[in-house]
Amino acid sequence: MSDTPTKDSNGNILSDGDSVTLIKDLKVKGSGGVTLKRGTMVKNIRLTDDTDEIEANVDKVRGLVLRTEFVRKA
C-alpha cells in the first residue's frame, strides 16, 4: 500500500473496518439494475492499493468497489 492515507469526500482518513455513508445515488454496473441510494450505510470497509477506492459488501451486492469521492465517514 502507498504512504498516502485513504480519505473520504470530506478529507477524513479512512481505515479498514470503518463504516461509511453514501453521499450520492449510485447505479451498480453488472448487477442487474441495482441502485444504491444516498444515505446507505456501508459497514466494515476494506482499503485497496488505490487510495481512491475501497472495497465493501452491501446487502444487494458483494465485493463492491466504491470510489472514495462518493462516501463520507459515518
PDB file of N, CA and C in Angstrom:
ATOM      1  N   MET A   1       0.835  -1.183   0.000  1.00  0.00           N
ATOM      2  CA  MET A   1       0.000   0.000   0.000  1.00  0.00           C
ATOM      3  C   MET A   1       0.878   1.244   0.000  1.00  0.00           C
ATOM      4  N   SER A   2       0.339   2.331  -0.468  1.00  0.00           N
ATOM      5  CA  SER A   2       1.115   3.558  -0.567  1.00  0.00           C
ATOM      6  C   SER A   2       1.147   4.276   0.776  1.00  0.00           C
ATOM      7  N   ASP A   3       2.011   5.290   0.884  1.00  0.00           N
ATOM      8  CA  ASP A   3       2.142   6.066   2.117  1.00  0.00           C
ATOM      9  C   ASP A   3       1.035   7.100   2.259  1.00  0.00           C
ATOM     10  N   THR A   4       0.316   7.400   1.179  1.00  0.00           N
ATOM     11  CA  THR A   4      -0.757   8.381   1.217  1.00  0.00           C
ATOM     12  C   THR A   4      -1.988   7.749   1.859  1.00  0.00           C
ATOM     13  N   PRO A   5      -2.575   8.409   2.876  1.00  0.00           N
ATOM     14  CA  PRO A   5      -3.766   7.822   3.510  1.00  0.00           C
ATOM     15  C   PRO A   5      -4.982   7.901   2.593  1.00  0.00           C
ATOM     16  N   THR A   6      -5.903   6.955   2.765  1.00  0.00           N
ATOM     17  CA  THR A   6      -7.158   6.953   2.025  1.00  0.00           C
ATOM     18  C   THR A   6      -8.116   7.893   2.736  1.00  0.00           C
ATOM     19  N   LYS A   7      -8.690   8.842   1.996  1.00  0.00           N
ATOM     20  CA  LYS A   7      -9.566   9.848   2.599  1.00  0.00           C
ATOM     21  C   LYS A   7     -10.939   9.816   1.944  1.00  0.00           C
ATOM     22  N   ASP A   8     -11.969  10.182   2.733  1.00  0.00           N
ATOM     23  CA  ASP A   8     -13.327  10.255   2.197  1.00  0.00           C
ATOM     24  C   ASP A   8     -13.545  11.595   1.506  1.00  0.00           C
ATOM     25  N   SER A   9     -14.788  11.863   1.102  1.00  0.00           N
ATOM     26  CA  SER A   9     -15.084  13.090   0.358  1.00  0.00           C
ATOM     27  C   SER A   9     -14.856  14.346   1.187  1.00  0.00           C
ATOM     28  N   ASN A  10     -14.878  14.236   2.519  1.00  0.00           N
ATOM     29  CA  ASN A  10     -14.668  15.393   3.388  1.00  0.00           C
ATOM     30  C   ASN A  10     -13.230  15.520   3.874  1.00  0.00           C
ATOM     31  N   GLY A  11     -12.377  14.585   3.474  1.00  0.00           N
ATOM     32  CA  GLY A  11     -10.971  14.645   3.872  1.00  0.00           C
ATOM     33  C   GLY A  11     -10.648  13.875   5.134  1.00  0.00           C
ATOM     34  N   ASN A  12     -11.621  13.134   5.692  1.00  0.00           N
ATOM     35  CA  ASN A  12     -11.366  12.305   6.869  1.00  0.00           C
ATOM     36  C   ASN A  12     -10.619  11.044   6.448  1.00  0.00           C
ATOM     37  N   ILE A  13      -9.649  10.632   7.256  1.00  0.00           N
ATOM     38  CA  ILE A  13      -8.854   9.446   6.940  1.00  0.00           C
ATOM     39  C   ILE A  13      -9.665   8.192   7.241  1.00  0.00           C
ATOM     40  N   LEU A  14      -9.687   7.269   6.277  1.00  0.00           N
ATOM     41  CA  LEU A  14     -10.405   6.000   6.413  1.00  0.00           C
ATOM     42  C   LEU A  14      -9.423   4.883   6.747  1.00  0.00           C
ATOM     43  N   SER A  15      -9.899   3.893   7.499  1.00  0.00           N
ATOM     44  CA  SER A  15      -9.078   2.720   7.790  1.00  0.00           C
ATOM     45  C   SER A  15      -9.930   1.464   7.651  1.00  0.00           C
ATOM     46  N   ASP A  16      -9.275   0.303   7.614  1.00  0.00           N
ATOM     47  CA  ASP A  16     -10.000  -0.965   7.498  1.00  0.00           C
ATOM     48  C   ASP A  16     -11.006  -1.102   8.627  1.00  0.00           C
ATOM     49  N   GLY A  17     -12.214  -1.556   8.285  1.00  0.00           N
ATOM     50  CA  GLY A  17     -13.238  -1.782   9.294  1.00  0.00           C
ATOM     51  C   GLY A  17     -14.132  -0.593   9.583  1.00  0.00           C
ATOM     52  N   ASP A  18     -13.839   0.562   9.018  1.00  0.00           N
ATOM     53  CA  ASP A  18     -14.678   1.750   9.224  1.00  0.00           C
ATOM     54  C   ASP A  18     -16.034   1.572   8.560  1.00  0.00           C
ATOM     55  N   SER A  19     -16.993   2.388   8.978  1.00  0.00           N
ATOM     56  CA  SER A  19     -18.296   2.457   8.327  1.00  0.00           C
ATOM     57  C   SER A  19     -18.382   3.786   7.588  1.00  0.00           C
ATOM     58  N   VAL A  20     -18.988   3.748   6.395  1.00  0.00           N
ATOM     59  CA  VAL A  20     -19.145   4.956   5.594  1.00  0.00           C
ATOM     60  C   VAL A  20     -20.588   5.062   5.123  1.00  0.00           C
ATOM     61  N   THR A  21     -20.974   6.269   4.720  1.00  0.00           N
ATOM     62  CA  THR A  21     -22.307   6.537   4.202  1.00  0.00           C
ATOM     63  C   THR A  21     -22.174   7.081   2.789  1.00  0.00           C
ATOM     64  N   LEU A  22     -23.042   6.638   1.878  1.00  0.00           N
ATOM     65  CA  LEU A  22     -23.022   7.142   0.509  1.00  0.00           C
ATOM     66  C   LEU A  22     -23.575   8.562   0.469  1.00  0.00           C
ATOM     67  N   ILE A  23     -22.969   9.425  -0.340  1.00  0.00           N
ATOM     68  CA  ILE A  23     -23.437  10.801  -0.453  1.00  0.00           C
ATOM     69  C   ILE A  23     -24.144  11.053  -1.784  1.00  0.00           C
ATOM     70  N   LYS A  24     -24.303   9.996  -2.587  1.00  0.00           N
ATOM     71  CA  LYS A  24     -24.919  10.122  -3.904  1.00  0.00           C
ATOM     72  C   LYS A  24     -25.542   8.787  -4.280  1.00  0.00           C
ATOM     73  N   ASP A  25     -26.664   8.803  -5.013  1.00  0.00           N
ATOM     74  CA  ASP A  25     -27.232   7.569  -5.547  1.00  0.00           C
ATOM     75  C   ASP A  25     -26.258   6.999  -6.571  1.00  0.00           C
ATOM     76  N   LEU A  26     -25.966   5.706  -6.464  1.00  0.00           N
ATOM     77  CA  LEU A  26     -25.006   5.073  -7.366  1.00  0.00           C
ATOM     78  C   LEU A  26     -25.643   3.868  -8.039  1.00  0.00           C
ATOM     79  N   LYS A  27     -25.586   3.830  -9.374  1.00  0.00           N
ATOM     80  CA  LYS A  27     -26.027   2.662 -10.121  1.00  0.00           C
ATOM     81  C   LYS A  27     -24.856   1.689 -10.174  1.00  0.00           C
ATOM     82  N   VAL A  28     -25.115   0.437  -9.827  1.00  0.00           N
ATOM     83  CA  VAL A  28     -24.068  -0.568  -9.785  1.00  0.00           C
ATOM     84  C   VAL A  28     -24.040  -1.306 -11.109  1.00  0.00           C
ATOM     85  N   LYS A  29     -22.933  -1.177 -11.830  1.00  0.00           N
ATOM     86  CA  LYS A  29     -22.802  -1.828 -13.127  1.00  0.00           C
ATOM     87  C   LYS A  29     -22.697  -3.334 -12.957  1.00  0.00           C
ATOM     88  N   GLY A  30     -23.351  -4.072 -13.851  1.00  0.00           N
ATOM     89  CA  GLY A  30     -23.269  -5.520 -13.847  1.00  0.00           C
ATOM     90  C   GLY A  30     -24.071  -6.197 -12.759  1.00  0.00           C
ATOM     91  N   SER A  31     -24.974  -5.475 -12.123  1.00  0.00           N
ATOM     92  CA  SER A  31     -25.742  -6.055 -11.013  1.00  0.00           C
ATOM     93  C   SER A  31     -27.216  -6.222 -11.352  1.00  0.00           C
ATOM     94  N   GLY A  32     -27.570  -6.029 -12.586  1.00  0.00           N
ATOM     95  CA  GLY A  32     -28.963  -6.180 -12.973  1.00  0.00           C
ATOM     96  C   GLY A  32     -29.831  -5.000 -12.594  1.00  0.00           C
ATOM     97  N   GLY A  33     -29.277  -3.818 -12.571  1.00  0.00           N
ATOM     98  CA  GLY A  33     -30.064  -2.616 -12.318  1.00  0.00           C
ATOM     99  C   GLY A  33     -30.193  -2.206 -10.868  1.00  0.00           C
ATOM    100  N   VAL A  34     -29.304  -2.663  -9.998  1.00  0.00           N
ATOM    101  CA  VAL A  34     -29.347  -2.272  -8.591  1.00  0.00           C
ATOM    102  C   VAL A  34     -28.829  -0.840  -8.448  1.00  0.00           C
ATOM    103  N   THR A  35     -29.544  -0.018  -7.682  1.00  0.00           N
ATOM    104  CA  THR A  35     -29.107   1.336  -7.373  1.00  0.00           C
ATOM    105  C   THR A  35     -28.962   1.469  -5.865  1.00  0.00           C
ATOM    106  N   LEU A  36     -27.786   1.905  -5.416  1.00  0.00           N
ATOM    107  CA  LEU A  36     -27.573   2.165  -4.004  1.00  0.00           C
ATOM    108  C   LEU A  36     -27.963   3.608  -3.727  1.00  0.00           C
ATOM    109  N   LYS A  37     -28.855   3.819  -2.783  1.00  0.00           N
ATOM    110  CA  LYS A  37     -29.401   5.143  -2.508  1.00  0.00           C
ATOM    111  C   LYS A  37     -28.487   5.956  -1.604  1.00  0.00           C
ATOM    112  N   ARG A  38     -28.578   7.284  -1.750  1.00  0.00           N
ATOM    113  CA  ARG A  38     -27.841   8.205  -0.887  1.00  0.00           C
ATOM    114  C   ARG A  38     -28.245   7.950   0.557  1.00  0.00           C
ATOM    115  N   GLY A  39     -27.261   7.944   1.458  1.00  0.00           N
ATOM    116  CA  GLY A  39     -27.533   7.692   2.864  1.00  0.00           C
ATOM    117  C   GLY A  39     -27.377   6.243   3.273  1.00  0.00           C
ATOM    118  N   THR A  40     -27.126   5.353   2.311  1.00  0.00           N
ATOM    119  CA  THR A  40     -26.937   3.936   2.630  1.00  0.00           C
ATOM    120  C   THR A  40     -25.666   3.761   3.445  1.00  0.00           C
ATOM    121  N   MET A  41     -25.776   3.055   4.568  1.00  0.00           N
ATOM    122  CA  MET A  41     -24.628   2.794   5.433  1.00  0.00           C
ATOM    123  C   MET A  41     -23.897   1.559   4.928  1.00  0.00           C
ATOM    124  N   VAL A  42     -22.592   1.684   4.764  1.00  0.00           N
ATOM    125  CA  VAL A  42     -21.745   0.567   4.350  1.00  0.00           C
ATOM    126  C   VAL A  42     -20.780   0.300   5.495  1.00  0.00           C
ATOM    127  N   LYS A  43     -20.877  -0.887   6.073  1.00  0.00           N
ATOM    128  CA  LYS A  43     -20.061  -1.229   7.243  1.00  0.00           C
ATOM    129  C   LYS A  43     -18.870  -2.091   6.854  1.00  0.00           C
ATOM    130  N   ASN A  44     -17.832  -2.011   7.679  1.00  0.00           N
ATOM    131  CA  ASN A  44     -16.664  -2.887   7.575  1.00  0.00           C
ATOM    132  C   ASN A  44     -15.996  -2.811   6.205  1.00  0.00           C
ATOM    133  N   ILE A  45     -15.565  -1.611   5.811  1.00  0.00           N
ATOM    134  CA  ILE A  45     -14.887  -1.430   4.529  1.00  0.00           C
ATOM    135  C   ILE A  45     -13.472  -2.001   4.581  1.00  0.00           C
ATOM    136  N   ARG A  46     -12.910  -2.255   3.399  1.00  0.00           N
ATOM    137  CA  ARG A  46     -11.526  -2.693   3.280  1.00  0.00           C
ATOM    138  C   ARG A  46     -10.803  -1.740   2.334  1.00  0.00           C
ATOM    139  N   LEU A  47      -9.608  -1.331   2.710  1.00  0.00           N
ATOM    140  CA  LEU A  47      -8.822  -0.448   1.861  1.00  0.00           C
ATOM    141  C   LEU A  47      -8.168  -1.259   0.757  1.00  0.00           C
ATOM    142  N   THR A  48      -7.921  -0.609  -0.380  1.00  0.00           N
ATOM    143  CA  THR A  48      -7.245  -1.247  -1.506  1.00  0.00           C
ATOM    144  C   THR A  48      -5.906  -0.560  -1.730  1.00  0.00           C
ATOM    145  N   ASP A  49      -5.151  -1.045  -2.694  1.00  0.00           N
ATOM    146  CA  ASP A  49      -3.871  -0.415  -3.023  1.00  0.00           C
ATOM    147  C   ASP A  49      -4.076   0.969  -3.626  1.00  0.00           C
ATOM    148  N   ASP A  50      -5.238   1.210  -4.214  1.00  0.00           N
ATOM    149  CA  ASP A  50      -5.579   2.506  -4.800  1.00  0.00           C
ATOM    150  C   ASP A  50      -6.240   3.365  -3.720  1.00  0.00           C
ATOM    151  N   THR A  51      -5.666   4.527  -3.411  1.00  0.00           N
ATOM    152  CA  THR A  51      -6.210   5.387  -2.345  1.00  0.00           C
ATOM    153  C   THR A  51      -7.534   6.027  -2.726  1.00  0.00           C
ATOM    154  N   ASP A  52      -7.968   5.904  -3.985  1.00  0.00           N
ATOM    155  CA  ASP A  52      -9.247   6.467  -4.422  1.00  0.00           C
ATOM    156  C   ASP A  52     -10.371   5.447  -4.400  1.00  0.00           C
ATOM    157  N   GLU A  53     -10.100   4.216  -3.963  1.00  0.00           N
ATOM    158  CA  GLU A  53     -11.111   3.165  -3.985  1.00  0.00           C
ATOM    159  C   GLU A  53     -11.095   2.366  -2.685  1.00  0.00           C
ATOM    160  N   ILE A  54     -12.285   1.891  -2.279  1.00  0.00           N
ATOM    161  CA  ILE A  54     -12.421   0.987  -1.147  1.00  0.00           C
ATOM    162  C   ILE A  54     -13.281  -0.192  -1.571  1.00  0.00           C
ATOM    163  N   GLU A  55     -13.144  -1.314  -0.877  1.00  0.00           N
ATOM    164  CA  GLU A  55     -13.976  -2.486  -1.135  1.00  0.00           C
ATOM    165  C   GLU A  55     -14.988  -2.611  -0.011  1.00  0.00           C
ATOM    166  N   ALA A  56     -16.190  -3.083  -0.377  1.00  0.00           N
ATOM    167  CA  ALA A  56     -17.236  -3.231   0.627  1.00  0.00           C
ATOM    168  C   ALA A  56     -18.250  -4.275   0.193  1.00  0.00           C
ATOM    169  N   ASN A  57     -19.025  -4.735   1.156  1.00  0.00           N
ATOM    170  CA  ASN A  57     -20.165  -5.602   0.889  1.00  0.00           C
ATOM    171  C   ASN A  57     -21.421  -4.855   1.321  1.00  0.00           C
ATOM    172  N   VAL A  58     -22.407  -4.824   0.440  1.00  0.00           N
ATOM    173  CA  VAL A  58     -23.693  -4.208   0.731  1.00  0.00           C
ATOM    174  C   VAL A  58     -24.727  -5.316   0.617  1.00  0.00           C
ATOM    175  N   ASP A  59     -25.914  -5.116   1.191  1.00  0.00           N
ATOM    176  CA  ASP A  59     -26.949  -6.151   1.192  1.00  0.00           C
ATOM    177  C   ASP A  59     -27.127  -6.796  -0.179  1.00  0.00           C
ATOM    178  N   LYS A  60     -27.241  -5.984  -1.208  1.00  0.00           N
ATOM    179  CA  LYS A  60     -27.578  -6.479  -2.545  1.00  0.00           C
ATOM    180  C   LYS A  60     -26.363  -6.897  -3.362  1.00  0.00           C
ATOM    181  N   VAL A  61     -25.181  -6.363  -3.033  1.00  0.00           N
ATOM    182  CA  VAL A  61     -24.001  -6.575  -3.866  1.00  0.00           C
ATOM    183  C   VAL A  61     -22.808  -6.956  -2.994  1.00  0.00           C
ATOM    184  N   ARG A  62     -22.134  -8.026  -3.351  1.00  0.00           N
ATOM    185  CA  ARG A  62     -20.935  -8.458  -2.636  1.00  0.00           C
ATOM    186  C   ARG A  62     -19.701  -8.101  -3.461  1.00  0.00           C
ATOM    187  N   GLY A  63     -18.599  -7.776  -2.790  1.00  0.00           N
ATOM    188  CA  GLY A  63     -17.354  -7.467  -3.481  1.00  0.00           C
ATOM    189  C   GLY A  63     -17.416  -6.171  -4.269  1.00  0.00           C
ATOM    190  N   LEU A  64     -18.106  -5.188  -3.718  1.00  0.00           N
ATOM    191  CA  LEU A  64     -18.310  -3.912  -4.391  1.00  0.00           C
ATOM    192  C   LEU A  64     -17.086  -3.010  -4.206  1.00  0.00           C
ATOM    193  N   VAL A  65     -16.673  -2.331  -5.251  1.00  0.00           N
ATOM    194  CA  VAL A  65     -15.593  -1.350  -5.164  1.00  0.00           C
ATOM    195  C   VAL A  65     -16.222   0.037  -5.301  1.00  0.00           C
ATOM    196  N   LEU A  66     -15.994   0.884  -4.287  1.00  0.00           N
ATOM    197  CA  LEU A  66     -16.561   2.233  -4.270  1.00  0.00           C
ATOM    198  C   LEU A  66     -15.456   3.270  -4.373  1.00  0.00           C
ATOM    199  N   ARG A  67     -15.733   4.339  -5.090  1.00  0.00           N
ATOM    200  CA  ARG A  67     -14.812   5.472  -5.157  1.00  0.00           C
ATOM    201  C   ARG A  67     -14.971   6.279  -3.864  1.00  0.00           C
ATOM    202  N   THR A  68     -13.863   6.720  -3.292  1.00  0.00           N
ATOM    203  CA  THR A  68     -13.924   7.443  -2.025  1.00  0.00           C
ATOM    204  C   THR A  68     -14.578   8.809  -2.163  1.00  0.00           C
ATOM    205  N   GLU A  69     -14.676   9.338  -3.368  1.00  0.00           N
ATOM    206  CA  GLU A  69     -15.316  10.641  -3.574  1.00  0.00           C
ATOM    207  C   GLU A  69     -16.824  10.587  -3.348  1.00  0.00           C
ATOM    208  N   PHE A  70     -17.407   9.372  -3.283  1.00  0.00           N
ATOM    209  CA  PHE A  70     -18.855   9.219  -3.096  1.00  0.00           C
ATOM    210  C   PHE A  70     -19.237   8.762  -1.694  1.00  0.00           C
ATOM    211  N   VAL A  71     -18.290   8.731  -0.770  1.00  0.00           N
ATOM    212  CA  VAL A  71     -18.592   8.293   0.595  1.00  0.00           C
ATOM    213  C   VAL A  71     -18.068   9.298   1.618  1.00  0.00           C
ATOM    214  N   ARG A  72     -18.695   9.250   2.808  1.00  0.00           N
ATOM    215  CA  ARG A  72     -18.175  10.019   3.942  1.00  0.00           C
ATOM    216  C   ARG A  72     -18.170   9.100   5.156  1.00  0.00           C
ATOM    217  N   LYS A  73     -17.232   9.352   6.032  1.00  0.00           N
ATOM    218  CA  LYS A  73     -17.083   8.513   7.212  1.00  0.00           C
ATOM    219  C   LYS A  73     -18.308   8.671   8.101  1.00  0.00           C
ATOM    220  N   ALA A  74     -18.813   7.562   8.610  1.00  0.00           N
ATOM    221  CA  ALA A  74     -20.020   7.593   9.460  1.00  0.00           C
ATOM    222  C   ALA A  74     -19.649   7.822  10.907  1.00  0.00           C
TER     223      ALA A  74
END
